[in-house]
């Protein structure tokens, strides 16, 4: 299923391959999708991306398709319902942080016009391309993810440490960490 001209981290998992081929590292500028990745990356903390990806549809259903306006209004009853929802990772701190992050997200949108405009400032509005030949070379964080994390925390976001921010940057295409031999890296097309 997978060829030698792609990254090897998706393995033979069809969902992981589709995510690699269509989303990871592709520049993303849709606010709702950016919010989705922010929430999913927070839930990933301490877990594998494969675990989260395989529950993504459950997360979408449980969290109103990542509608920040709806999530920002979740009350204690809704939080307790989510704690019983087997389609998602039932971590109370992460569920509560999703509500907090939705509220902070809406404030950023109001201040900057879009979350996209705010978040892409950390890479100067362009994708950072890394040129790696081995997965071991991919960093866990960067100066940009450090700055993003610090600013998000200042704005009231939770579960936005530098490592989570770096994973978010990869998902949103702010960083392209495809291996140089991968057909999703611009160098491979030369």
C-alpha atoms as a PDB file:
ATOM      1  CA  UNK A   1       0.000   0.000   0.000  1.00  0.00           C
ATOM      2  CA  UNK A   2       2.843   2.372   0.836  1.00  0.00           C
ATOM      3  CA  UNK A   3       5.678   3.094  -1.566  1.00  0.00           C
ATOM      4  CA  UNK A   4       9.281   4.052  -0.939  1.00  0.00           C
ATOM      5  CA  UNK A   5       8.669   7.620  -2.093  1.00  0.00           C
ATOM      6  CA  UNK A   6       6.593   8.490   1.000  1.00  0.00           C
ATOM      7  CA  UNK A   7       7.327   8.933   4.687  1.00  0.00           C
ATOM      8  CA  UNK A   8       7.316   5.632   6.537  1.00  0.00           C
ATOM      9  CA  UNK A   9       5.541   6.696   9.756  1.00  0.00           C
ATOM     10  CA  UNK A  10       1.985   5.954   8.502  1.00  0.00           C
ATOM     11  CA  UNK A  11       2.895   2.272   8.158  1.00  0.00           C
ATOM     12  CA  UNK A  12       0.183   0.261   6.425  1.00  0.00           C
ATOM     13  CA  UNK A  13      -2.732   1.896   8.258  1.00  0.00           C
ATOM     14  CA  UNK A  14      -5.183   3.258   5.651  1.00  0.00           C
ATOM     15  CA  UNK A  15      -6.311   6.193   7.842  1.00  0.00           C
ATOM     16  CA  UNK A  16      -2.721   7.168   8.634  1.00  0.00           C
ATOM     17  CA  UNK A  17      -1.764   6.933   4.947  1.00  0.00           C
ATOM     18  CA  UNK A  18      -4.734   9.083   3.902  1.00  0.00           C
ATOM     19  CA  UNK A  19      -3.883  11.640   6.606  1.00  0.00           C
ATOM     20  CA  UNK A  20      -0.245  11.726   5.461  1.00  0.00           C
ATOM     21  CA  UNK A  21      -1.193  12.035   1.800  1.00  0.00           C
ATOM     22  CA  UNK A  22      -3.946  14.647   2.098  1.00  0.00           C
ATOM     23  CA  UNK A  23      -3.499  16.678   5.292  1.00  0.00           C
ATOM     24  CA  UNK A  24      -0.202  16.488   7.185  1.00  0.00           C
ATOM     25  CA  UNK A  25       2.097  19.310   6.125  1.00  0.00           C
ATOM     26  CA  UNK A  26      -0.448  20.881   3.746  1.00  0.00           C
ATOM     27  CA  UNK A  27      -0.965  24.600   4.510  1.00  0.00           C
ATOM     28  CA  UNK A  28      -4.295  25.053   6.273  1.00  0.00           C
ATOM     29  CA  UNK A  29      -6.115  28.366   6.584  1.00  0.00           C
ATOM     30  CA  UNK A  30      -9.648  27.334   7.619  1.00  0.00           C
ATOM     31  CA  UNK A  31     -10.398  28.456  11.186  1.00  0.00           C
ATOM     32  CA  UNK A  32     -12.685  25.546  12.066  1.00  0.00           C
ATOM     33  CA  UNK A  33     -10.163  23.006  10.798  1.00  0.00           C
ATOM     34  CA  UNK A  34      -7.344  24.797  12.658  1.00  0.00           C
ATOM     35  CA  UNK A  35      -9.430  24.568  15.839  1.00  0.00           C
ATOM     36  CA  UNK A  36     -10.042  20.867  15.188  1.00  0.00           C
ATOM     37  CA  UNK A  37      -6.311  20.171  14.928  1.00  0.00           C
ATOM     38  CA  UNK A  38      -5.614  22.234  18.037  1.00  0.00           C
ATOM     39  CA  UNK A  39      -8.105  20.143  20.013  1.00  0.00           C
ATOM     40  CA  UNK A  40      -7.010  16.795  18.552  1.00  0.00           C
ATOM     41  CA  UNK A  41      -3.341  17.580  19.198  1.00  0.00           C
ATOM     42  CA  UNK A  42      -4.180  18.439  22.821  1.00  0.00           C
ATOM     43  CA  UNK A  43      -5.958  15.097  23.211  1.00  0.00           C
ATOM     44  CA  UNK A  44      -2.943  13.367  21.665  1.00  0.00           C
ATOM     45  CA  UNK A  45      -0.697  14.400  24.578  1.00  0.00           C
ATOM     46  CA  UNK A  46       0.685  11.148  25.981  1.00  0.00           C
ATOM     47  CA  UNK A  47      -0.928   9.059  23.241  1.00  0.00           C
ATOM     48  CA  UNK A  48      -0.187   8.129  19.635  1.00  0.00           C
ATOM     49  CA  UNK A  49      -1.578  10.070  16.700  1.00  0.00           C
ATOM     50  CA  UNK A  50      -2.966   6.790  15.364  1.00  0.00           C
ATOM     51  CA  UNK A  51      -5.138   6.478  18.495  1.00  0.00           C
ATOM     52  CA  UNK A  52      -6.553   9.965  17.963  1.00  0.00           C
ATOM     53  CA  UNK A  53      -6.982   9.603  14.214  1.00  0.00           C
ATOM     54  CA  UNK A  54      -8.993   6.413  14.651  1.00  0.00           C
ATOM     55  CA  UNK A  55     -11.350   8.273  17.012  1.00  0.00           C
ATOM     56  CA  UNK A  56     -11.527  11.450  14.933  1.00  0.00           C
ATOM     57  CA  UNK A  57     -15.094  10.881  13.736  1.00  0.00           C
ATOM     58  CA  UNK A  58     -16.143  10.216  17.315  1.00  0.00           C
ATOM     59  CA  UNK A  59     -14.506  13.469  18.400  1.00  0.00           C
ATOM     60  CA  UNK A  60     -16.302  15.319  15.605  1.00  0.00           C
ATOM     61  CA  UNK A  61     -19.660  13.907  16.686  1.00  0.00           C
ATOM     62  CA  UNK A  62     -19.058  14.464  20.400  1.00  0.00           C
ATOM     63  CA  UNK A  63     -17.736  18.016  20.009  1.00  0.00           C
ATOM     64  CA  UNK A  64     -20.331  19.411  17.560  1.00  0.00           C
ATOM     65  CA  UNK A  65     -17.965  19.117  14.581  1.00  0.00           C
ATOM     66  CA  UNK A  66     -15.489  21.344  16.432  1.00  0.00           C
ATOM     67  CA  UNK A  67     -17.801  24.348  16.379  1.00  0.00           C
ATOM     68  CA  UNK A  68     -15.994  26.670  18.817  1.00  0.00           C
ATOM     69  CA  UNK A  69     -19.104  28.792  19.441  1.00  0.00           C
ATOM     70  CA  UNK A  70     -21.077  25.747  20.602  1.00  0.00           C
ATOM     71  CA  UNK A  71     -18.212  24.242  22.603  1.00  0.00           C
ATOM     72  CA  UNK A  72     -17.549  27.554  24.400  1.00  0.00           C
ATOM     73  CA  UNK A  73     -21.042  27.248  25.912  1.00  0.00           C
ATOM     74  CA  UNK A  74     -20.695  23.689  27.245  1.00  0.00           C
ATOM     75  CA  UNK A  75     -21.813  23.478  30.853  1.00  0.00           C
ATOM     76  CA  UNK A  76     -21.022  20.978  33.605  1.00  0.00           C
ATOM     77  CA  UNK A  77     -23.806  18.646  32.480  1.00  0.00           C
ATOM     78  CA  UNK A  78     -22.355  18.530  28.948  1.00  0.00           C
ATOM     79  CA  UNK A  79     -18.847  17.923  30.313  1.00  0.00           C
ATOM     80  CA  UNK A  80     -20.135  14.995  32.363  1.00  0.00           C
ATOM     81  CA  UNK A  81     -21.890  13.583  29.276  1.00  0.00           C
ATOM     82  CA  UNK A  82     -18.579  13.762  27.393  1.00  0.00           C
ATOM     83  CA  UNK A  83     -16.886  11.919  30.260  1.00  0.00           C
ATOM     84  CA  UNK A  84     -19.199   8.975  29.471  1.00  0.00           C
ATOM     85  CA  UNK A  85     -18.682   9.096  25.682  1.00  0.00           C
ATOM     86  CA  UNK A  86     -16.613   6.077  24.613  1.00  0.00           C
ATOM     87  CA  UNK A  87     -16.014   7.564  21.143  1.00  0.00           C
ATOM     88  CA  UNK A  88     -13.441   9.994  22.563  1.00  0.00           C
ATOM     89  CA  UNK A  89     -10.553  10.001  25.024  1.00  0.00           C
ATOM     90  CA  UNK A  90     -12.332  10.503  28.344  1.00  0.00           C
ATOM     91  CA  UNK A  91      -9.796  12.668  30.096  1.00  0.00           C
ATOM     92  CA  UNK A  92     -11.533  15.262  32.256  1.00  0.00           C
ATOM     93  CA  UNK A  93      -8.701  17.808  32.078  1.00  0.00           C
ATOM     94  CA  UNK A  94      -8.569  17.585  28.293  1.00  0.00           C
ATOM     95  CA  UNK A  95     -12.345  17.828  27.957  1.00  0.00           C
ATOM     96  CA  UNK A  96     -12.456  20.883  30.208  1.00  0.00           C
ATOM     97  CA  UNK A  97      -9.521  22.431  28.353  1.00  0.00           C
ATOM     98  CA  UNK A  98     -11.461  22.028  25.102  1.00  0.00           C
ATOM     99  CA  UNK A  99     -14.178  24.314  26.492  1.00  0.00           C
ATOM    100  CA  UNK A 100     -11.576  26.792  27.771  1.00  0.00           C
ATOM    101  CA  UNK A 101      -9.747  26.688  24.438  1.00  0.00           C
ATOM    102  CA  UNK A 102     -12.968  27.308  22.508  1.00  0.00           C
ATOM    103  CA  UNK A 103     -13.550  30.443  24.593  1.00  0.00           C
ATOM    104  CA  UNK A 104      -9.955  31.625  24.075  1.00  0.00           C
ATOM    105  CA  UNK A 105     -10.171  30.778  20.349  1.00  0.00           C
ATOM    106  CA  UNK A 106     -13.236  33.008  19.947  1.00  0.00           C
ATOM    107  CA  UNK A 107     -11.437  35.882  21.682  1.00  0.00           C
ATOM    108  CA  UNK A 108      -8.473  35.513  19.291  1.00  0.00           C
ATOM    109  CA  UNK A 109     -10.846  35.480  16.308  1.00  0.00           C
ATOM    110  CA  UNK A 110     -12.475  38.659  17.551  1.00  0.00           C
ATOM    111  CA  UNK A 111      -9.108  40.379  18.099  1.00  0.00           C
ATOM    112  CA  UNK A 112      -7.425  39.318  14.837  1.00  0.00           C
ATOM    113  CA  UNK A 113     -10.404  38.825  12.537  1.00  0.00           C
ATOM    114  CA  UNK A 114      -9.503  35.159  12.052  1.00  0.00           C
ATOM    115  CA  UNK A 115      -7.568  32.593  14.050  1.00  0.00           C
ATOM    116  CA  UNK A 116      -5.670  31.875  10.841  1.00  0.00           C
ATOM    117  CA  UNK A 117      -4.263  35.402  10.747  1.00  0.00           C
ATOM    118  CA  UNK A 118      -3.143  35.087  14.369  1.00  0.00           C
ATOM    119  CA  UNK A 119      -1.614  31.609  14.288  1.00  0.00           C
ATOM    120  CA  UNK A 120       0.326  31.927  11.023  1.00  0.00           C
ATOM    121  CA  UNK A 121       2.234  34.931  12.373  1.00  0.00           C
ATOM    122  CA  UNK A 122       4.487  32.483  14.221  1.00  0.00           C
ATOM    123  CA  UNK A 123       5.976  31.311  10.909  1.00  0.00           C
ATOM    124  CA  UNK A 124       5.793  34.682   9.175  1.00  0.00           C
ATOM    125  CA  UNK A 125       2.767  33.541   7.177  1.00  0.00           C
ATOM    126  CA  UNK A 126       4.693  30.861   5.285  1.00  0.00           C
ATOM    127  CA  UNK A 127       5.471  27.172   5.629  1.00  0.00           C
ATOM    128  CA  UNK A 128       8.834  26.229   7.136  1.00  0.00           C
ATOM    129  CA  UNK A 129      10.375  23.407   5.092  1.00  0.00           C
ATOM    130  CA  UNK A 130      12.734  21.040   6.825  1.00  0.00           C
ATOM    131  CA  UNK A 131      15.050  18.766   4.882  1.00  0.00           C
ATOM    132  CA  UNK A 132      15.328  15.475   6.735  1.00  0.00           C
ATOM    133  CA  UNK A 133      16.183  11.971   5.668  1.00  0.00           C
ATOM    134  CA  UNK A 134      15.250  10.139   8.877  1.00  0.00           C
ATOM    135  CA  UNK A 135      12.336  10.341  11.310  1.00  0.00           C
ATOM    136  CA  UNK A 136      14.816  10.686  14.177  1.00  0.00           C
ATOM    137  CA  UNK A 137      15.721  14.115  12.798  1.00  0.00           C
ATOM    138  CA  UNK A 138      12.233  15.545  13.328  1.00  0.00           C
ATOM    139  CA  UNK A 139      12.354  17.868  16.323  1.00  0.00           C
ATOM    140  CA  UNK A 140       9.809  17.742  19.144  1.00  0.00           C
ATOM    141  CA  UNK A 141       9.644  21.534  19.223  1.00  0.00           C
ATOM    142  CA  UNK A 142      11.186  24.658  17.712  1.00  0.00           C
ATOM    143  CA  UNK A 143      11.725  28.330  18.462  1.00  0.00           C
ATOM    144  CA  UNK A 144       8.456  29.007  16.633  1.00  0.00           C
ATOM    145  CA  UNK A 145       6.493  26.444  18.649  1.00  0.00           C
ATOM    146  CA  UNK A 146       8.044  27.840  21.845  1.00  0.00           C
ATOM    147  CA  UNK A 147       6.817  31.339  20.935  1.00  0.00           C
ATOM    148  CA  UNK A 148       3.388  30.033  19.924  1.00  0.00           C
ATOM    149  CA  UNK A 149       3.009  28.082  23.156  1.00  0.00           C
ATOM    150  CA  UNK A 150       4.004  31.042  25.298  1.00  0.00           C
ATOM    151  CA  UNK A 151       1.535  33.350  23.558  1.00  0.00           C
ATOM    152  CA  UNK A 152      -1.335  30.842  23.576  1.00  0.00           C
ATOM    153  CA  UNK A 153      -0.853  30.234  27.308  1.00  0.00           C
ATOM    154  CA  UNK A 154      -0.852  33.998  27.891  1.00  0.00           C
ATOM    155  CA  UNK A 155      -4.198  34.120  26.075  1.00  0.00           C
ATOM    156  CA  UNK A 156      -5.717  31.447  28.327  1.00  0.00           C
ATOM    157  CA  UNK A 157      -5.295  28.297  26.215  1.00  0.00           C
ATOM    158  CA  UNK A 158      -4.603  24.956  27.939  1.00  0.00           C
ATOM    159  CA  UNK A 159      -2.685  21.880  26.717  1.00  0.00           C
ATOM    160  CA  UNK A 160      -0.611  24.021  24.378  1.00  0.00           C
ATOM    161  CA  UNK A 161       2.948  23.222  25.396  1.00  0.00           C
ATOM    162  CA  UNK A 162       5.657  23.626  22.804  1.00  0.00           C
ATOM    163  CA  UNK A 163       5.605  19.950  21.758  1.00  0.00           C
ATOM    164  CA  UNK A 164       1.826  20.043  21.219  1.00  0.00           C
ATOM    165  CA  UNK A 165       2.229  23.314  19.298  1.00  0.00           C
ATOM    166  CA  UNK A 166       4.885  21.746  17.085  1.00  0.00           C
ATOM    167  CA  UNK A 167       2.582  18.800  16.281  1.00  0.00           C
ATOM    168  CA  UNK A 168      -0.155  21.328  15.507  1.00  0.00           C
ATOM    169  CA  UNK A 169       2.223  23.238  13.198  1.00  0.00           C
ATOM    170  CA  UNK A 170       2.962  19.998  11.330  1.00  0.00           C
ATOM    171  CA  UNK A 171      -0.743  19.166  11.020  1.00  0.00           C
ATOM    172  CA  UNK A 172      -1.603  22.686   9.810  1.00  0.00           C
ATOM    173  CA  UNK A 173       1.228  22.801   7.283  1.00  0.00           C
ATOM    174  CA  UNK A 174       3.023  25.603   9.094  1.00  0.00           C
ATOM    175  CA  UNK A 175       5.932  23.162   9.128  1.00  0.00           C
ATOM    176  CA  UNK A 176       6.566  20.591   6.412  1.00  0.00           C
ATOM    177  CA  UNK A 177       8.456  17.697   7.982  1.00  0.00           C
ATOM    178  CA  UNK A 178       7.943  15.203   5.171  1.00  0.00           C
ATOM    179  CA  UNK A 179      11.166  13.348   4.447  1.00  0.00           C
ATOM    180  CA  UNK A 180      13.035  14.746   1.449  1.00  0.00           C
ATOM    181  CA  UNK A 181      12.378  11.489  -0.483  1.00  0.00           C
ATOM    182  CA  UNK A 182       8.620  11.783   0.158  1.00  0.00           C
ATOM    183  CA  UNK A 183       6.422  12.865  -2.739  1.00  0.00           C
ATOM    184  CA  UNK A 184       4.824  15.442  -0.367  1.00  0.00           C
ATOM    185  CA  UNK A 185       8.124  17.300   0.093  1.00  0.00           C
ATOM    186  CA  UNK A 186       8.878  19.939  -2.594  1.00  0.00           C
ATOM    187  CA  UNK A 187      12.457  18.718  -2.965  1.00  0.00           C
ATOM    188  CA  UNK A 188      11.248  15.305  -4.124  1.00  0.00           C
ATOM    189  CA  UNK A 189       9.481  16.945  -7.064  1.00  0.00           C
ATOM    190  CA  UNK A 190      12.700  18.450  -8.474  1.00  0.00           C
END
